[in-house]
Amino acid sequence: MAGKSGVVPVYDLTFGVNTTGRAGDADTIVKDAESLSVSIDGNIEEWNPMDQGGWTRRLMTSKSLSVSMGGKRNYGDPGNDYIAGLAFKNGQDCNSVFSINFPDGATLKFDCIINVTSMGGDSTATDALEWEALSDGKPIYTPASGSSES
């Protein structure tokens, strides 16, 4: 199936979590998510060798990935209930798998830690649910078919 091209709205991205931890696929949608923001953090090693005349050398030595999600609390939705249920858990109970399908057909899948960062809100607001999926190891990025990315 050919993906989309050109500028597209963020809602064309689809995502999922695995509600059983690390065993299986990330195919459960979390209803009423309003925002999805992917952040990539690169760790750079720096050194100042004498042969560079005072200029710094650098090498990317590691990376981490985080996906921040914002939305509304939807009681009774399996994905939303799963995420909200992790708010007061620790350790391996917070392990999951997260996936994103990009509009061009590329996919990103990674083992993650789910960190619930905010719930609730003002008395007259809709109940919020904000969380992040933090990579735990190397993600699997599959470029769209026909793409030159690697």
N, C-alpha and C. Protein backbone atom coordinates (compact mmCIF):
# COMPACT_ATOMS: atom_id res chain seq x y z
N MET A 1 0.84 -1.17 0.00
CA MET A 1 0.00 0.00 0.00
C MET A 1 0.89 1.24 0.00
N ALA A 2 0.67 2.12 -0.90
CA ALA A 2 1.45 3.35 -1.00
C ALA A 2 1.01 4.32 0.08
N GLY A 3 2.00 5.01 0.65
CA GLY A 3 1.71 5.99 1.68
C GLY A 3 1.41 7.35 1.09
N LYS A 4 1.09 8.27 1.96
CA LYS A 4 0.82 9.64 1.54
C LYS A 4 2.12 10.39 1.31
N SER A 5 2.03 11.47 0.57
CA SER A 5 3.18 12.35 0.39
C SER A 5 2.71 13.78 0.60
N GLY A 6 3.68 14.68 0.72
CA GLY A 6 3.34 16.07 0.95
C GLY A 6 3.12 16.34 2.43
N VAL A 7 2.60 17.50 2.74
CA VAL A 7 2.33 17.90 4.12
C VAL A 7 1.02 17.26 4.57
N VAL A 8 1.03 16.66 5.75
CA VAL A 8 -0.16 15.98 6.26
C VAL A 8 -0.40 16.40 7.71
N PRO A 9 -1.63 16.30 8.19
CA PRO A 9 -1.90 16.61 9.59
C PRO A 9 -1.38 15.49 10.51
N VAL A 10 -1.08 15.84 11.75
CA VAL A 10 -0.56 14.87 12.71
C VAL A 10 -1.53 13.72 12.93
N TYR A 11 -2.84 13.97 12.81
CA TYR A 11 -3.79 12.89 13.05
C TYR A 11 -3.68 11.76 12.03
N ASP A 12 -2.92 11.96 10.95
CA ASP A 12 -2.67 10.87 10.01
C ASP A 12 -1.67 9.85 10.53
N LEU A 13 -0.95 10.17 11.61
CA LEU A 13 -0.10 9.19 12.27
C LEU A 13 -1.01 8.29 13.10
N THR A 14 -0.75 7.01 13.10
CA THR A 14 -1.47 6.11 14.00
C THR A 14 -0.45 5.51 14.95
N PHE A 15 -0.90 5.13 16.12
CA PHE A 15 0.01 4.58 17.13
C PHE A 15 -0.71 3.52 17.93
N GLY A 16 0.07 2.75 18.66
CA GLY A 16 -0.52 1.73 19.51
C GLY A 16 0.42 1.36 20.64
N VAL A 17 -0.14 0.74 21.67
CA VAL A 17 0.63 0.21 22.79
C VAL A 17 0.26 -1.26 22.97
N ASN A 18 1.12 -1.97 23.67
CA ASN A 18 0.82 -3.35 24.02
C ASN A 18 0.33 -3.35 25.47
N THR A 19 -0.90 -3.77 25.68
CA THR A 19 -1.49 -3.72 27.02
C THR A 19 -1.14 -4.93 27.87
N THR A 20 -0.26 -5.81 27.36
CA THR A 20 0.17 -6.98 28.14
C THR A 20 1.66 -6.92 28.45
N GLY A 21 2.25 -5.76 28.36
CA GLY A 21 3.68 -5.63 28.65
C GLY A 21 4.51 -5.75 27.39
N ARG A 22 5.54 -6.60 27.44
CA ARG A 22 6.48 -6.72 26.32
C ARG A 22 6.19 -7.90 25.40
N ALA A 23 5.24 -8.74 25.75
CA ALA A 23 4.94 -9.92 24.92
C ALA A 23 3.84 -9.58 23.93
N GLY A 24 4.19 -9.48 22.64
CA GLY A 24 3.17 -9.22 21.63
C GLY A 24 3.38 -7.91 20.91
N ASP A 25 2.38 -7.54 20.15
CA ASP A 25 2.45 -6.34 19.32
C ASP A 25 1.80 -5.15 20.01
N ALA A 26 2.16 -3.98 19.53
CA ALA A 26 1.60 -2.73 20.04
C ALA A 26 0.42 -2.35 19.16
N ASP A 27 -0.70 -3.02 19.36
CA ASP A 27 -1.83 -2.83 18.45
C ASP A 27 -3.07 -2.25 19.12
N THR A 28 -2.95 -1.83 20.39
CA THR A 28 -4.09 -1.23 21.07
C THR A 28 -3.98 0.29 21.00
N ILE A 29 -4.98 0.92 20.44
CA ILE A 29 -5.03 2.37 20.33
C ILE A 29 -5.48 2.95 21.67
N VAL A 30 -4.94 4.07 22.06
CA VAL A 30 -5.37 4.78 23.26
C VAL A 30 -6.31 5.89 22.80
N LYS A 31 -7.60 5.69 23.01
CA LYS A 31 -8.59 6.66 22.53
C LYS A 31 -8.43 8.03 23.19
N ASP A 32 -8.83 9.02 22.45
CA ASP A 32 -8.88 10.41 22.88
C ASP A 32 -7.51 11.03 23.14
N ALA A 33 -6.49 10.51 22.47
CA ALA A 33 -5.18 11.18 22.48
C ALA A 33 -5.29 12.40 21.58
N GLU A 34 -4.78 13.52 22.03
CA GLU A 34 -4.86 14.77 21.27
C GLU A 34 -3.52 15.20 20.70
N SER A 35 -2.44 14.75 21.29
CA SER A 35 -1.13 15.17 20.80
C SER A 35 -0.13 14.03 20.90
N LEU A 36 0.80 14.02 19.96
CA LEU A 36 1.87 13.03 19.92
C LEU A 36 3.12 13.79 19.48
N SER A 37 4.16 13.76 20.32
CA SER A 37 5.39 14.47 20.00
C SER A 37 6.58 13.53 20.19
N VAL A 38 7.34 13.30 19.13
CA VAL A 38 8.50 12.43 19.18
C VAL A 38 9.74 13.28 19.42
N SER A 39 10.54 12.90 20.41
CA SER A 39 11.80 13.58 20.72
C SER A 39 12.94 12.58 20.65
N ILE A 40 14.01 12.99 20.00
CA ILE A 40 15.21 12.15 19.91
C ILE A 40 16.34 12.90 20.60
N ASP A 41 16.94 12.25 21.58
CA ASP A 41 18.03 12.87 22.33
C ASP A 41 19.32 12.14 22.01
N GLY A 42 20.27 12.86 21.41
CA GLY A 42 21.56 12.28 21.11
C GLY A 42 22.59 12.65 22.16
N ASN A 43 23.37 11.69 22.58
CA ASN A 43 24.47 11.96 23.51
C ASN A 43 25.75 12.11 22.72
N ILE A 44 26.41 13.21 22.92
CA ILE A 44 27.61 13.56 22.17
C ILE A 44 28.83 13.50 23.09
N GLU A 45 29.81 12.74 22.70
CA GLU A 45 31.10 12.73 23.39
C GLU A 45 31.95 13.83 22.75
N GLU A 46 32.56 14.66 23.57
CA GLU A 46 33.42 15.74 23.07
C GLU A 46 34.83 15.59 23.64
N TRP A 47 35.82 15.96 22.83
CA TRP A 47 37.20 15.98 23.29
C TRP A 47 37.96 17.05 22.53
N ASN A 48 39.06 17.48 23.09
CA ASN A 48 39.85 18.57 22.53
C ASN A 48 41.29 18.10 22.28
N PRO A 49 41.51 17.43 21.15
CA PRO A 49 42.86 16.94 20.87
C PRO A 49 43.81 18.09 20.49
N MET A 50 45.04 17.90 20.84
CA MET A 50 46.05 18.94 20.59
C MET A 50 46.24 19.18 19.10
N ASP A 51 46.06 18.15 18.27
CA ASP A 51 46.30 18.31 16.84
C ASP A 51 45.20 19.11 16.13
N GLN A 52 44.13 19.49 16.83
CA GLN A 52 43.06 20.27 16.21
C GLN A 52 43.14 21.76 16.53
N GLY A 53 44.23 22.18 17.12
CA GLY A 53 44.46 23.60 17.36
C GLY A 53 43.40 24.27 18.22
N GLY A 54 42.88 23.56 19.20
CA GLY A 54 41.88 24.14 20.10
C GLY A 54 40.44 23.89 19.68
N TRP A 55 40.23 23.28 18.53
CA TRP A 55 38.87 22.99 18.06
C TRP A 55 38.40 21.66 18.63
N THR A 56 37.13 21.63 19.02
CA THR A 56 36.53 20.45 19.63
C THR A 56 36.17 19.41 18.58
N ARG A 57 36.43 18.15 18.90
CA ARG A 57 35.96 17.01 18.09
C ARG A 57 34.74 16.44 18.79
N ARG A 58 33.85 15.81 18.03
CA ARG A 58 32.61 15.25 18.59
C ARG A 58 32.25 13.94 17.90
N LEU A 59 31.56 13.08 18.67
CA LEU A 59 31.05 11.83 18.12
C LEU A 59 29.73 11.50 18.81
N MET A 60 28.70 11.20 18.00
CA MET A 60 27.42 10.76 18.54
C MET A 60 27.64 9.34 19.09
N THR A 61 27.47 9.16 20.40
CA THR A 61 27.76 7.87 21.01
C THR A 61 26.52 7.09 21.45
N SER A 62 25.38 7.77 21.56
CA SER A 62 24.15 7.06 21.91
C SER A 62 22.95 7.94 21.64
N LYS A 63 21.77 7.33 21.65
CA LYS A 63 20.52 8.07 21.43
C LYS A 63 19.44 7.50 22.34
N SER A 64 18.46 8.32 22.58
CA SER A 64 17.26 7.85 23.26
C SER A 64 16.06 8.49 22.57
N LEU A 65 14.94 7.87 22.74
CA LEU A 65 13.72 8.27 22.05
C LEU A 65 12.62 8.40 23.09
N SER A 66 11.83 9.44 22.98
CA SER A 66 10.66 9.56 23.84
C SER A 66 9.49 10.09 23.02
N VAL A 67 8.32 9.60 23.33
CA VAL A 67 7.10 10.05 22.69
C VAL A 67 6.20 10.58 23.80
N SER A 68 5.88 11.87 23.73
CA SER A 68 4.99 12.49 24.72
C SER A 68 3.58 12.51 24.15
N MET A 69 2.65 12.07 24.96
CA MET A 69 1.25 11.98 24.55
C MET A 69 0.39 12.82 25.49
N GLY A 70 -0.56 13.53 24.93
CA GLY A 70 -1.52 14.29 25.72
C GLY A 70 -2.91 13.98 25.22
N GLY A 71 -3.85 13.94 26.14
CA GLY A 71 -5.22 13.66 25.72
C GLY A 71 -6.19 13.70 26.89
N LYS A 72 -7.29 13.05 26.68
CA LYS A 72 -8.35 13.01 27.67
C LYS A 72 -8.46 11.61 28.26
N ARG A 73 -8.88 11.53 29.51
CA ARG A 73 -9.10 10.26 30.18
C ARG A 73 -10.43 9.70 29.68
N ASN A 74 -10.40 8.52 29.09
CA ASN A 74 -11.60 7.87 28.57
C ASN A 74 -11.80 6.57 29.33
N TYR A 75 -12.65 6.60 30.35
CA TYR A 75 -12.91 5.42 31.18
C TYR A 75 -13.65 4.37 30.37
N GLY A 76 -13.14 3.15 30.41
CA GLY A 76 -13.75 2.05 29.68
C GLY A 76 -13.05 1.72 28.37
N ASP A 77 -12.20 2.60 27.87
CA ASP A 77 -11.41 2.29 26.68
C ASP A 77 -10.21 1.45 27.13
N PRO A 78 -9.99 0.28 26.51
CA PRO A 78 -8.90 -0.61 26.96
C PRO A 78 -7.52 0.05 26.94
N GLY A 79 -7.20 0.80 25.91
CA GLY A 79 -5.90 1.45 25.84
C GLY A 79 -5.75 2.56 26.87
N ASN A 80 -6.78 3.38 26.99
CA ASN A 80 -6.77 4.50 27.93
C ASN A 80 -6.74 3.97 29.37
N ASP A 81 -7.53 2.94 29.67
CA ASP A 81 -7.53 2.35 31.01
C ASP A 81 -6.17 1.74 31.34
N TYR A 82 -5.53 1.11 30.36
CA TYR A 82 -4.22 0.51 30.57
C TYR A 82 -3.20 1.57 30.95
N ILE A 83 -3.14 2.66 30.18
CA ILE A 83 -2.17 3.73 30.46
C ILE A 83 -2.45 4.34 31.83
N ALA A 84 -3.69 4.72 32.11
CA ALA A 84 -4.04 5.33 33.39
C ALA A 84 -3.71 4.39 34.55
N GLY A 85 -3.88 3.09 34.34
CA GLY A 85 -3.60 2.11 35.38
C GLY A 85 -2.13 1.99 35.73
N LEU A 86 -1.24 2.52 34.89
CA LEU A 86 0.19 2.47 35.17
C LEU A 86 0.66 3.63 36.04
N ALA A 87 -0.21 4.57 36.32
CA ALA A 87 0.18 5.79 37.05
C ALA A 87 0.85 5.49 38.39
N PHE A 88 0.42 4.47 39.09
CA PHE A 88 0.96 4.21 40.43
C PHE A 88 1.73 2.89 40.49
N LYS A 89 2.14 2.39 39.32
CA LYS A 89 2.94 1.17 39.27
C LYS A 89 4.41 1.51 39.05
N ASN A 90 5.27 0.55 39.33
CA ASN A 90 6.71 0.71 39.17
C ASN A 90 7.30 -0.53 38.54
N GLY A 91 8.59 -0.46 38.27
CA GLY A 91 9.34 -1.62 37.79
C GLY A 91 8.83 -2.14 36.46
N GLN A 92 8.89 -3.45 36.31
CA GLN A 92 8.52 -4.08 35.05
C GLN A 92 7.04 -3.97 34.72
N ASP A 93 6.23 -3.59 35.71
CA ASP A 93 4.81 -3.38 35.43
C ASP A 93 4.59 -2.25 34.43
N CYS A 94 5.58 -1.36 34.29
CA CYS A 94 5.47 -0.21 33.38
C CYS A 94 6.08 -0.50 32.01
N ASN A 95 6.56 -1.72 31.77
CA ASN A 95 7.12 -2.11 30.48
C ASN A 95 6.02 -2.32 29.45
N SER A 96 6.28 -1.88 28.23
CA SER A 96 5.32 -2.06 27.14
C SER A 96 6.06 -2.01 25.81
N VAL A 97 5.29 -2.02 24.75
CA VAL A 97 5.79 -1.84 23.39
C VAL A 97 4.96 -0.72 22.78
N PHE A 98 5.61 0.17 22.04
CA PHE A 98 4.94 1.30 21.43
C PHE A 98 5.24 1.28 19.94
N SER A 99 4.28 1.65 19.12
CA SER A 99 4.51 1.71 17.68
C SER A 99 3.83 2.94 17.09
N ILE A 100 4.46 3.46 16.04
CA ILE A 100 3.90 4.57 15.28
C ILE A 100 3.93 4.19 13.81
N ASN A 101 2.81 4.39 13.12
CA ASN A 101 2.73 4.23 11.68
C ASN A 101 2.64 5.64 11.08
N PHE A 102 3.65 5.99 10.28
CA PHE A 102 3.70 7.31 9.68
C PHE A 102 2.90 7.34 8.38
N PRO A 103 2.39 8.49 7.99
CA PRO A 103 1.55 8.59 6.79
C PRO A 103 2.21 8.11 5.50
N ASP A 104 3.55 8.17 5.41
CA ASP A 104 4.23 7.73 4.19
C ASP A 104 4.41 6.21 4.13
N GLY A 105 4.03 5.50 5.20
CA GLY A 105 4.16 4.05 5.25
C GLY A 105 5.30 3.56 6.12
N ALA A 106 6.15 4.47 6.61
CA ALA A 106 7.23 4.09 7.52
C ALA A 106 6.64 3.70 8.88
N THR A 107 7.37 2.86 9.62
CA THR A 107 6.92 2.46 10.95
C THR A 107 8.07 2.58 11.95
N LEU A 108 7.71 2.80 13.19
CA LEU A 108 8.66 2.85 14.30
C LEU A 108 8.07 2.01 15.42
N LYS A 109 8.86 1.06 15.92
CA LYS A 109 8.40 0.19 17.00
C LYS A 109 9.53 0.05 18.01
N PHE A 110 9.18 0.15 19.31
CA PHE A 110 10.23 0.01 20.31
C PHE A 110 9.66 -0.46 21.65
N ASP A 111 10.51 -1.22 22.37
CA ASP A 111 10.21 -1.54 23.75
C ASP A 111 10.29 -0.24 24.52
N CYS A 112 9.43 -0.08 25.51
CA CYS A 112 9.40 1.19 26.22
C CYS A 112 9.00 1.03 27.67
N ILE A 113 9.18 2.12 28.37
CA ILE A 113 8.66 2.31 29.71
C ILE A 113 7.56 3.36 29.57
N ILE A 114 6.39 3.07 30.11
CA ILE A 114 5.29 4.04 30.10
C ILE A 114 5.35 4.83 31.40
N ASN A 115 5.40 6.15 31.26
CA ASN A 115 5.46 7.05 32.41
C ASN A 115 4.26 7.99 32.34
N VAL A 116 3.30 7.79 33.23
CA VAL A 116 2.14 8.69 33.30
C VAL A 116 2.60 9.95 34.02
N THR A 117 2.42 11.10 33.37
CA THR A 117 2.95 12.36 33.90
C THR A 117 1.90 13.29 34.47
N SER A 118 0.63 13.13 34.08
CA SER A 118 -0.39 14.05 34.57
C SER A 118 -1.77 13.46 34.35
N MET A 119 -2.64 13.71 35.33
CA MET A 119 -4.04 13.30 35.23
C MET A 119 -4.87 14.43 35.85
N GLY A 120 -6.16 14.47 35.53
CA GLY A 120 -7.05 15.44 36.16
C GLY A 120 -7.05 16.79 35.47
N GLY A 121 -7.24 17.85 36.24
CA GLY A 121 -7.30 19.21 35.70
C GLY A 121 -8.24 20.08 36.51
N ASP A 122 -8.61 21.21 35.95
CA ASP A 122 -9.54 22.12 36.61
C ASP A 122 -10.91 21.46 36.79
N SER A 123 -11.69 21.96 37.74
CA SER A 123 -12.99 21.35 38.06
C SER A 123 -13.96 21.38 36.88
N THR A 124 -13.81 22.34 35.99
CA THR A 124 -14.73 22.44 34.85
C THR A 124 -14.12 21.90 33.56
N ALA A 125 -12.91 21.36 33.65
CA ALA A 125 -12.24 20.82 32.46
C ALA A 125 -12.54 19.34 32.28
N THR A 126 -12.26 18.83 31.12
CA THR A 126 -12.36 17.40 30.86
C THR A 126 -11.13 16.73 31.47
N ASP A 127 -11.33 15.59 32.12
CA ASP A 127 -10.26 14.84 32.78
C ASP A 127 -9.13 14.54 31.80
N ALA A 128 -7.92 14.96 32.14
CA ALA A 128 -6.76 14.81 31.25
C ALA A 128 -6.00 13.52 31.56
N LEU A 129 -5.28 13.04 30.57
CA LEU A 129 -4.34 11.93 30.73
C LEU A 129 -3.13 12.24 29.85
N GLU A 130 -1.99 12.49 30.49
CA GLU A 130 -0.76 12.77 29.76
C GLU A 130 0.28 11.73 30.17
N TRP A 131 1.05 11.28 29.17
CA TRP A 131 2.02 10.22 29.44
C TRP A 131 3.11 10.23 28.39
N GLU A 132 4.16 9.48 28.67
CA GLU A 132 5.24 9.36 27.70
C GLU A 132 5.67 7.91 27.59
N ALA A 133 6.11 7.55 26.39
CA ALA A 133 6.70 6.25 26.12
C ALA A 133 8.19 6.50 25.91
N LEU A 134 9.02 5.97 26.81
CA LEU A 134 10.46 6.20 26.78
C LEU A 134 11.14 4.93 26.28
N SER A 135 11.97 5.06 25.25
CA SER A 135 12.60 3.89 24.66
C SER A 135 13.43 3.12 25.67
N ASP A 136 13.42 1.80 25.54
CA ASP A 136 14.22 0.91 26.36
C ASP A 136 14.96 -0.01 25.40
N GLY A 137 16.10 0.45 24.92
CA GLY A 137 16.85 -0.28 23.91
C GLY A 137 16.65 0.33 22.53
N LYS A 138 17.22 -0.33 21.55
CA LYS A 138 17.20 0.18 20.17
C LYS A 138 15.84 -0.01 19.52
N PRO A 139 15.29 1.06 18.95
CA PRO A 139 14.00 0.94 18.24
C PRO A 139 14.19 0.29 16.87
N ILE A 140 13.08 -0.15 16.31
CA ILE A 140 13.09 -0.70 14.95
C ILE A 140 12.37 0.30 14.06
N TYR A 141 13.12 0.95 13.17
CA TYR A 141 12.53 1.89 12.22
C TYR A 141 12.54 1.24 10.86
N THR A 142 11.38 1.15 10.24
CA THR A 142 11.25 0.59 8.91
C THR A 142 10.80 1.70 7.96
N PRO A 143 11.70 2.11 7.05
CA PRO A 143 11.32 3.17 6.12
C PRO A 143 10.15 2.75 5.24
N ALA A 144 9.46 3.72 4.69
CA ALA A 144 8.40 3.44 3.72
C ALA A 144 9.00 2.71 2.54
N SER A 145 8.25 1.80 1.94
CA SER A 145 8.79 1.08 0.78
C SER A 145 9.09 2.09 -0.33
N GLY A 146 10.23 1.90 -0.95
CA GLY A 146 10.67 2.82 -2.01
C GLY A 146 11.42 4.02 -1.46
N SER A 147 11.57 4.10 -0.14
CA SER A 147 12.29 5.22 0.46
C SER A 147 13.78 4.93 0.47
N SER A 148 14.59 5.97 0.40
CA SER A 148 16.04 5.81 0.44
C SER A 148 16.57 5.95 1.85
N GLU A 149 15.70 6.19 2.84
CA GLU A 149 16.14 6.31 4.24
C GLU A 149 16.59 4.96 4.76
N SER A 150 17.48 4.99 5.77
CA SER A 150 17.87 3.74 6.43
C SER A 150 17.96 3.90 7.92
